[in-house]
Amino acid sequence: MMKDFSSWIDKAGLMDLGFAGPAFTWSNRRSPCSLSRERLDRVLACPRWSSFFPEARVLHLPAILSDHNPVLLETLPVIRRGKLRFRFESWWLKEESFLPHCSSSWRAAYRPHNSLSSNLLELTRKIRTWAAKHSNNFRTNIKKVEAEILKVQTNGSTHAEWAWESTLRCIHEDLLLKEEIHWHQRSRVSWLRWGDRNTSFFHSSATARKRCNRISTLRLPTDDWTRSEQVIKTAFVQHFK
């Protein structure tokens, strides 16, 4: 039965959203010598749903009257984001202005009397400034280009409009490639190369990886569970002191 169910999940292209909290959702509520516990309840979603709710999380709540733990799905949890660290984006290399900017920025930032880390920090600031002017909102830009192509195809009949459509197609192809590279980098999938329009797969993999890496609940040394971000931060600091 479970084999058939797992096969159906694979065929339907569904993924387990994981959970935070106790590992089991069902118990026969007997004494320890005959206790049986299983994770019978779970939340499944398709990649398209996950793209709409990338921050969604599943929480296992305490079982009070039932032998099943309530399962809570939060589609829009409140998540406070800390300061973002600098991250090199592979798609920057597809921008003609990136390497010349890095070269000129390094010459401007380099100080012989400073340490290498100080020089690199100044270079990072200049790259951040450049990156802020080059949006990675590919999906919005792609839709704008597609709308412009449709407009030209609807009204265009002159040679100039034909040439403009060809230019728009090149821009569209370039945006699709950058978007695929962007999500390939975040997915950390090494066995599949970008270039075959696997953007949806990379996006789903990146979303699943982000969800797995997020710590939304923590079991404290007192065996209490907490969802407080401040308590979680304090617990980690105390543990690794």
C-alpha atoms as a PDB file:
ATOM      1  CA  MET A   1       0.000   0.000   0.000  1.00  0.00           C
ATOM      2  CA  MET A   2       2.750   2.481   0.986  1.00  0.00           C
ATOM      3  CA  LYS A   3       4.699   1.551  -2.140  1.00  0.00           C
ATOM      4  CA  ASP A   4       1.700   2.380  -4.317  1.00  0.00           C
ATOM      5  CA  PHE A   5       1.161   5.632  -2.441  1.00  0.00           C
ATOM      6  CA  SER A   6       4.821   6.644  -2.886  1.00  0.00           C
ATOM      7  CA  SER A   7       4.592   5.801  -6.579  1.00  0.00           C
ATOM      8  CA  TRP A   8       1.494   7.985  -6.901  1.00  0.00           C
ATOM      9  CA  ILE A   9       3.322  10.892  -5.194  1.00  0.00           C
ATOM     10  CA  ASP A  10       6.197  10.578  -7.674  1.00  0.00           C
ATOM     11  CA  LYS A  11       3.869  10.413 -10.684  1.00  0.00           C
ATOM     12  CA  ALA A  12       1.912  13.448  -9.471  1.00  0.00           C
ATOM     13  CA  GLY A  13       5.164  15.400  -9.033  1.00  0.00           C
ATOM     14  CA  LEU A  14       4.435  16.250  -5.397  1.00  0.00           C
ATOM     15  CA  MET A  15       6.979  17.068  -2.708  1.00  0.00           C
ATOM     16  CA  ASP A  16       6.883  16.760   1.058  1.00  0.00           C
ATOM     17  CA  LEU A  17       7.035  20.219   2.646  1.00  0.00           C
ATOM     18  CA  GLY A  18       8.761  18.816   5.712  1.00  0.00           C
ATOM     19  CA  PHE A  19       7.860  19.940   9.221  1.00  0.00           C
ATOM     20  CA  ALA A  20       8.995  21.626  12.399  1.00  0.00           C
ATOM     21  CA  GLY A  21       8.255  20.217  15.827  1.00  0.00           C
ATOM     22  CA  PRO A  22       7.883  16.644  17.130  1.00  0.00           C
ATOM     23  CA  ALA A  23       8.980  13.957  14.679  1.00  0.00           C
ATOM     24  CA  PHE A  24       5.765  11.904  14.954  1.00  0.00           C
ATOM     25  CA  THR A  25       2.130  12.828  14.304  1.00  0.00           C
ATOM     26  CA  TRP A  26       0.424   9.723  15.665  1.00  0.00           C
ATOM     27  CA  SER A  27       0.765   7.666  18.829  1.00  0.00           C
ATOM     28  CA  ASN A  28      -1.206   4.775  20.285  1.00  0.00           C
ATOM     29  CA  ARG A  29      -0.831   6.592  23.623  1.00  0.00           C
ATOM     30  CA  ARG A  30       0.165   3.450  25.513  1.00  0.00           C
ATOM     31  CA  SER A  31       2.812   2.842  28.116  1.00  0.00           C
ATOM     32  CA  PRO A  32       6.480   2.939  27.032  1.00  0.00           C
ATOM     33  CA  CYS A  33       6.737  -0.867  26.824  1.00  0.00           C
ATOM     34  CA  SER A  34       4.032  -1.013  24.103  1.00  0.00           C
ATOM     35  CA  LEU A  35       4.266   2.519  22.738  1.00  0.00           C
ATOM     36  CA  SER A  36       4.032   2.955  18.986  1.00  0.00           C
ATOM     37  CA  ARG A  37       4.569   6.237  17.160  1.00  0.00           C
ATOM     38  CA  GLU A  38       4.568   7.133  13.467  1.00  0.00           C
ATOM     39  CA  ARG A  39       4.584  10.147  11.207  1.00  0.00           C
ATOM     40  CA  LEU A  40       1.320   9.448   9.404  1.00  0.00           C
ATOM     41  CA  ASP A  41       0.294  13.007   8.558  1.00  0.00           C
ATOM     42  CA  ARG A  42       2.187  15.188   6.134  1.00  0.00           C
ATOM     43  CA  VAL A  43       1.655  18.060   3.737  1.00  0.00           C
ATOM     44  CA  LEU A  44       2.357  17.576   0.030  1.00  0.00           C
ATOM     45  CA  ALA A  45       2.505  20.257  -2.638  1.00  0.00           C
ATOM     46  CA  CYS A  46       3.282  20.581  -6.322  1.00  0.00           C
ATOM     47  CA  PRO A  47       6.149  22.805  -7.550  1.00  0.00           C
ATOM     48  CA  ARG A  48       3.718  25.427  -8.875  1.00  0.00           C
ATOM     49  CA  TRP A  49       2.059  25.800  -5.452  1.00  0.00           C
ATOM     50  CA  SER A  50       5.478  26.058  -3.800  1.00  0.00           C
ATOM     51  CA  SER A  51       6.442  28.857  -6.192  1.00  0.00           C
ATOM     52  CA  PHE A  52       3.384  30.814  -5.000  1.00  0.00           C
ATOM     53  CA  PHE A  53       4.184  30.171  -1.315  1.00  0.00           C
ATOM     54  CA  PRO A  54       7.980  29.764  -1.062  1.00  0.00           C
ATOM     55  CA  GLU A  55       7.996  30.671   2.641  1.00  0.00           C
ATOM     56  CA  ALA A  56       5.287  28.149   3.623  1.00  0.00           C
ATOM     57  CA  ARG A  57       6.065  25.972   6.632  1.00  0.00           C
ATOM     58  CA  VAL A  58       4.431  23.023   8.383  1.00  0.00           C
ATOM     59  CA  LEU A  59       4.198  22.836  12.161  1.00  0.00           C
ATOM     60  CA  HIS A  60       3.365  19.793  14.306  1.00  0.00           C
ATOM     61  CA  LEU A  61       1.256  20.987  17.221  1.00  0.00           C
ATOM     62  CA  PRO A  62       0.735  19.113  20.519  1.00  0.00           C
ATOM     63  CA  ALA A  63      -1.831  16.289  20.595  1.00  0.00           C
ATOM     64  CA  ILE A  64      -4.333  16.846  23.408  1.00  0.00           C
ATOM     65  CA  LEU A  65      -7.543  14.871  22.943  1.00  0.00           C
ATOM     66  CA  SER A  66      -6.738  13.004  19.731  1.00  0.00           C
ATOM     67  CA  ASP A  67      -4.063  10.401  19.080  1.00  0.00           C
ATOM     68  CA  HIS A  68      -3.005  12.548  16.095  1.00  0.00           C
ATOM     69  CA  ASN A  69      -1.017  15.766  16.387  1.00  0.00           C
ATOM     70  CA  PRO A  70      -2.679  18.706  14.622  1.00  0.00           C
ATOM     71  CA  VAL A  71      -0.700  19.785  11.558  1.00  0.00           C
ATOM     72  CA  LEU A  72      -0.654  23.516  10.858  1.00  0.00           C
ATOM     73  CA  LEU A  73       0.258  24.875   7.435  1.00  0.00           C
ATOM     74  CA  GLU A  74       1.377  28.507   7.475  1.00  0.00           C
ATOM     75  CA  THR A  75       1.451  29.871   3.933  1.00  0.00           C
ATOM     76  CA  LEU A  76       2.619  33.386   4.837  1.00  0.00           C
ATOM     77  CA  PRO A  77       4.630  33.169   8.059  1.00  0.00           C
ATOM     78  CA  VAL A  78       6.202  36.337   9.431  1.00  0.00           C
ATOM     79  CA  ILE A  79       9.934  35.981   8.850  1.00  0.00           C
ATOM     80  CA  ARG A  80      12.350  38.690   9.919  1.00  0.00           C
ATOM     81  CA  ARG A  81      15.344  38.795   7.655  1.00  0.00           C
ATOM     82  CA  GLY A  82      18.741  39.734   8.944  1.00  0.00           C
ATOM     83  CA  LYS A  83      21.438  41.558   7.047  1.00  0.00           C
ATOM     84  CA  LEU A  84      22.069  39.835   3.724  1.00  0.00           C
ATOM     85  CA  ARG A  85      25.637  38.705   3.165  1.00  0.00           C
ATOM     86  CA  PHE A  86      27.411  39.362  -0.111  1.00  0.00           C
ATOM     87  CA  ARG A  87      26.888  36.589  -2.628  1.00  0.00           C
ATOM     88  CA  PHE A  88      28.441  36.346  -6.063  1.00  0.00           C
ATOM     89  CA  GLU A  89      25.815  35.774  -8.751  1.00  0.00           C
ATOM     90  CA  SER A  90      26.890  33.612 -11.683  1.00  0.00           C
ATOM     91  CA  TRP A  91      24.564  35.432 -14.062  1.00  0.00           C
ATOM     92  CA  TRP A  92      26.592  38.635 -13.545  1.00  0.00           C
ATOM     93  CA  LEU A  93      29.178  37.145 -15.912  1.00  0.00           C
ATOM     94  CA  LYS A  94      26.562  37.402 -18.686  1.00  0.00           C
ATOM     95  CA  GLU A  95      26.470  41.170 -18.239  1.00  0.00           C
ATOM     96  CA  GLU A  96      28.947  42.894 -20.546  1.00  0.00           C
ATOM     97  CA  SER A  97      29.657  45.645 -18.032  1.00  0.00           C
ATOM     98  CA  PHE A  98      30.456  43.372 -15.069  1.00  0.00           C
ATOM     99  CA  LEU A  99      34.091  42.372 -15.686  1.00  0.00           C
ATOM    100  CA  PRO A 100      35.181  45.874 -16.808  1.00  0.00           C
ATOM    101  CA  HIS A 101      33.465  47.258 -13.698  1.00  0.00           C
ATOM    102  CA  CYS A 102      35.294  44.763 -11.455  1.00  0.00           C
ATOM    103  CA  SER A 103      38.608  45.641 -13.066  1.00  0.00           C
ATOM    104  CA  SER A 104      38.156  49.395 -12.680  1.00  0.00           C
ATOM    105  CA  SER A 105      36.731  48.992  -9.163  1.00  0.00           C
ATOM    106  CA  TRP A 106      39.701  46.923  -8.040  1.00  0.00           C
ATOM    107  CA  ARG A 107      42.129  49.535  -9.309  1.00  0.00           C
ATOM    108  CA  ALA A 108      40.156  52.217  -7.469  1.00  0.00           C
ATOM    109  CA  ALA A 109      39.750  50.194  -4.258  1.00  0.00           C
ATOM    110  CA  TYR A 110      43.264  48.744  -3.993  1.00  0.00           C
ATOM    111  CA  ARG A 111      45.523  50.308  -1.362  1.00  0.00           C
ATOM    112  CA  PRO A 112      49.008  48.754  -0.986  1.00  0.00           C
ATOM    113  CA  HIS A 113      49.170  49.554   2.728  1.00  0.00           C
ATOM    114  CA  ASN A 114      45.792  47.899   3.448  1.00  0.00           C
ATOM    115  CA  SER A 115      45.255  44.194   4.065  1.00  0.00           C
ATOM    116  CA  LEU A 116      43.811  41.986   1.336  1.00  0.00           C
ATOM    117  CA  SER A 117      40.554  41.593   3.288  1.00  0.00           C
ATOM    118  CA  SER A 118      40.150  45.381   3.522  1.00  0.00           C
ATOM    119  CA  ASN A 119      40.709  45.783  -0.215  1.00  0.00           C
ATOM    120  CA  LEU A 120      38.248  42.999  -0.973  1.00  0.00           C
ATOM    121  CA  LEU A 121      35.684  44.580   1.339  1.00  0.00           C
ATOM    122  CA  GLU A 122      35.923  47.855  -0.571  1.00  0.00           C
ATOM    123  CA  LEU A 123      35.617  45.954  -3.869  1.00  0.00           C
ATOM    124  CA  THR A 124      32.514  44.215  -2.512  1.00  0.00           C
ATOM    125  CA  ARG A 125      30.914  47.593  -1.755  1.00  0.00           C
ATOM    126  CA  LYS A 126      31.482  48.742  -5.319  1.00  0.00           C
ATOM    127  CA  ILE A 127      30.074  45.504  -6.749  1.00  0.00           C
ATOM    128  CA  ARG A 128      26.997  45.867  -4.527  1.00  0.00           C
ATOM    129  CA  THR A 129      26.452  49.335  -5.986  1.00  0.00           C
ATOM    130  CA  TRP A 130      26.720  47.912  -9.512  1.00  0.00           C
ATOM    131  CA  ALA A 131      24.390  45.006  -8.688  1.00  0.00           C
ATOM    132  CA  ALA A 132      21.731  47.365  -7.315  1.00  0.00           C
ATOM    133  CA  LYS A 133      21.432  48.865 -10.800  1.00  0.00           C
ATOM    134  CA  HIS A 134      21.052  45.453 -12.453  1.00  0.00           C
ATOM    135  CA  SER A 135      17.842  43.906 -11.175  1.00  0.00           C
ATOM    136  CA  ASN A 136      17.457  40.139 -10.939  1.00  0.00           C
ATOM    137  CA  ASN A 137      13.677  40.429 -11.254  1.00  0.00           C
ATOM    138  CA  PHE A 138      13.853  38.332 -14.411  1.00  0.00           C
ATOM    139  CA  ARG A 139      10.239  37.185 -14.473  1.00  0.00           C
ATOM    140  CA  THR A 140       8.898  40.756 -14.532  1.00  0.00           C
ATOM    141  CA  ASN A 141      11.372  41.797 -17.219  1.00  0.00           C
ATOM    142  CA  ILE A 142      10.584  38.708 -19.304  1.00  0.00           C
ATOM    143  CA  LYS A 143       6.868  39.489 -19.213  1.00  0.00           C
ATOM    144  CA  LYS A 144       7.541  43.088 -20.263  1.00  0.00           C
ATOM    145  CA  VAL A 145       9.602  41.925 -23.245  1.00  0.00           C
ATOM    146  CA  GLU A 146       6.953  39.367 -24.210  1.00  0.00           C
ATOM    147  CA  ALA A 147       4.295  42.089 -24.087  1.00  0.00           C
ATOM    148  CA  GLU A 148       6.438  44.293 -26.333  1.00  0.00           C
ATOM    149  CA  ILE A 149       6.978  41.408 -28.785  1.00  0.00           C
ATOM    150  CA  LEU A 150       3.232  40.810 -28.922  1.00  0.00           C
ATOM    151  CA  LYS A 151       2.659  44.509 -29.574  1.00  0.00           C
ATOM    152  CA  VAL A 152       5.138  44.506 -32.463  1.00  0.00           C
ATOM    153  CA  GLN A 153       3.687  41.314 -33.935  1.00  0.00           C
ATOM    154  CA  THR A 154       0.206  42.783 -33.751  1.00  0.00           C
ATOM    155  CA  ASN A 155       0.956  46.140 -35.334  1.00  0.00           C
ATOM    156  CA  GLY A 156       4.338  45.809 -37.015  1.00  0.00           C
ATOM    157  CA  SER A 157       4.778  45.547 -40.765  1.00  0.00           C
ATOM    158  CA  THR A 158       7.755  47.811 -41.470  1.00  0.00           C
ATOM    159  CA  HIS A 159      11.390  46.814 -41.766  1.00  0.00           C
ATOM    160  CA  ALA A 160      12.242  48.802 -38.622  1.00  0.00           C
ATOM    161  CA  GLU A 161       9.610  46.955 -36.609  1.00  0.00           C
ATOM    162  CA  TRP A 162      10.867  43.609 -37.944  1.00  0.00           C
ATOM    163  CA  ALA A 163      14.387  44.541 -36.813  1.00  0.00           C
ATOM    164  CA  TRP A 164      13.073  45.640 -33.402  1.00  0.00           C
ATOM    165  CA  GLU A 165      11.297  42.285 -32.970  1.00  0.00           C
ATOM    166  CA  SER A 166      14.568  40.465 -33.701  1.00  0.00           C
ATOM    167  CA  THR A 167      16.292  42.572 -31.043  1.00  0.00           C
ATOM    168  CA  LEU A 168      13.525  41.832 -28.544  1.00  0.00           C
ATOM    169  CA  ARG A 169      13.869  38.096 -29.203  1.00  0.00           C
ATOM    170  CA  CYS A 170      17.575  38.290 -28.382  1.00  0.00           C
ATOM    171  CA  ILE A 171      16.822  40.219 -25.187  1.00  0.00           C
ATOM    172  CA  HIS A 172      14.196  37.614 -24.275  1.00  0.00           C
ATOM    173  CA  GLU A 173      16.643  34.749 -24.849  1.00  0.00           C
ATOM    174  CA  ASP A 174      19.275  36.509 -22.738  1.00  0.00           C
ATOM    175  CA  LEU A 175      16.821  37.047 -19.849  1.00  0.00           C
ATOM    176  CA  LEU A 176      15.715  33.398 -19.920  1.00  0.00           C
ATOM    177  CA  LEU A 177      19.333  32.250 -19.731  1.00  0.00           C
ATOM    178  CA  LYS A 178      20.160  34.578 -16.827  1.00  0.00           C
ATOM    179  CA  GLU A 179      17.044  33.464 -14.956  1.00  0.00           C
ATOM    180  CA  GLU A 180      17.999  29.805 -15.405  1.00  0.00           C
ATOM    181  CA  ILE A 181      21.573  30.447 -14.213  1.00  0.00           C
ATOM    182  CA  HIS A 182      20.209  32.375 -11.211  1.00  0.00           C
ATOM    183  CA  TRP A 183      18.018  29.495 -10.004  1.00  0.00           C
ATOM    184  CA  HIS A 184      20.590  26.841 -10.915  1.00  0.00           C
ATOM    185  CA  GLN A 185      23.049  28.496  -8.540  1.00  0.00           C
ATOM    186  CA  ARG A 186      20.501  28.589  -5.699  1.00  0.00           C
ATOM    187  CA  SER A 187      19.354  25.004  -6.230  1.00  0.00           C
ATOM    188  CA  ARG A 188      22.899  23.623  -5.673  1.00  0.00           C
ATOM    189  CA  VAL A 189      22.037  20.888  -8.176  1.00  0.00           C
ATOM    190  CA  SER A 190      25.356  19.713  -9.615  1.00  0.00           C
ATOM    191  CA  TRP A 191      24.226  16.763 -11.725  1.00  0.00           C
ATOM    192  CA  LEU A 192      22.199  18.882 -14.162  1.00  0.00           C
ATOM    193  CA  ARG A 193      23.661  21.739 -16.153  1.00  0.00           C
ATOM    194  CA  TRP A 194      21.873  24.937 -17.019  1.00  0.00           C
ATOM    195  CA  GLY A 195      21.133  25.612 -20.683  1.00  0.00           C
ATOM    196  CA  ASP A 196      18.187  23.267 -21.293  1.00  0.00           C
ATOM    197  CA  ARG A 197      15.457  25.515 -19.865  1.00  0.00           C
ATOM    198  CA  ASN A 198      15.308  23.715 -16.520  1.00  0.00           C
ATOM    199  CA  THR A 199      14.407  26.929 -14.681  1.00  0.00           C
ATOM    200  CA  SER A 200      11.247  25.483 -13.058  1.00  0.00           C
ATOM    201  CA  PHE A 201      13.174  22.482 -11.731  1.00  0.00           C
ATOM    202  CA  PHE A 202      15.976  24.668 -10.377  1.00  0.00           C
ATOM    203  CA  HIS A 203      13.433  27.026  -8.797  1.00  0.00           C
ATOM    204  CA  SER A 204      11.659  24.124  -7.063  1.00  0.00           C
ATOM    205  CA  SER A 205      14.963  22.672  -5.850  1.00  0.00           C
ATOM    206  CA  ALA A 206      16.063  26.062  -4.493  1.00  0.00           C
ATOM    207  CA  THR A 207      12.726  26.552  -2.706  1.00  0.00           C
ATOM    208  CA  ALA A 208      12.913  23.083  -1.123  1.00  0.00           C
ATOM    209  CA  ARG A 209      16.529  23.654  -0.075  1.00  0.00           C
ATOM    210  CA  LYS A 210      15.666  27.016   1.471  1.00  0.00           C
ATOM    211  CA  ARG A 211      12.788  25.453   3.413  1.00  0.00           C
ATOM    212  CA  CYS A 212      15.015  22.660   4.739  1.00  0.00           C
ATOM    213  CA  ASN A 213      17.711  25.108   5.825  1.00  0.00           C
ATOM    214  CA  ARG A 214      15.309  27.346   7.733  1.00  0.00           C
ATOM    215  CA  ILE A 215      15.118  26.789  11.503  1.00  0.00           C
ATOM    216  CA  SER A 216      11.604  27.852  12.480  1.00  0.00           C
ATOM    217  CA  THR A 217      11.295  25.843  15.708  1.00  0.00           C
ATOM    218  CA  LEU A 218      13.868  24.534  18.158  1.00  0.00           C
ATOM    219  CA  ARG A 219      13.827  22.006  20.955  1.00  0.00           C
ATOM    220  CA  LEU A 220      15.530  23.565  23.970  1.00  0.00           C
ATOM    221  CA  PRO A 221      17.638  21.687  26.554  1.00  0.00           C
ATOM    222  CA  THR A 222      14.571  21.840  28.840  1.00  0.00           C
ATOM    223  CA  ASP A 223      12.656  19.744  26.224  1.00  0.00           C
ATOM    224  CA  ASP A 224      10.430  22.738  25.503  1.00  0.00           C
ATOM    225  CA  TRP A 225       9.759  23.762  21.906  1.00  0.00           C
ATOM    226  CA  THR A 226      10.058  27.406  20.864  1.00  0.00           C
ATOM    227  CA  ARG A 227       9.218  29.380  17.739  1.00  0.00           C
ATOM    228  CA  SER A 228      10.613  32.659  19.046  1.00  0.00           C
ATOM    229  CA  GLU A 229      13.389  33.890  16.763  1.00  0.00           C
ATOM    230  CA  GLN A 230      15.109  35.677  19.636  1.00  0.00           C
ATOM    231  CA  VAL A 231      15.037  32.582  21.865  1.00  0.00           C
ATOM    232  CA  ILE A 232      16.391  30.449  18.997  1.00  0.00           C
ATOM    233  CA  LYS A 233      19.237  32.896  18.365  1.00  0.00           C
ATOM    234  CA  THR A 234      20.096  33.021  22.075  1.00  0.00           C
ATOM    235  CA  ALA A 235      20.054  29.213  22.330  1.00  0.00           C
ATOM    236  CA  PHE A 236      22.520  28.842  19.449  1.00  0.00           C
ATOM    237  CA  VAL A 237      24.847  31.492  20.855  1.00  0.00           C
ATOM    238  CA  GLN A 238      24.806  29.829  24.284  1.00  0.00           C
ATOM    239  CA  HIS A 239      25.380  26.357  22.796  1.00  0.00           C
ATOM    240  CA  PHE A 240      28.425  27.354  20.741  1.00  0.00           C
ATOM    241  CA  LYS A 241      30.085  29.588  23.336  1.00  0.00           C
END
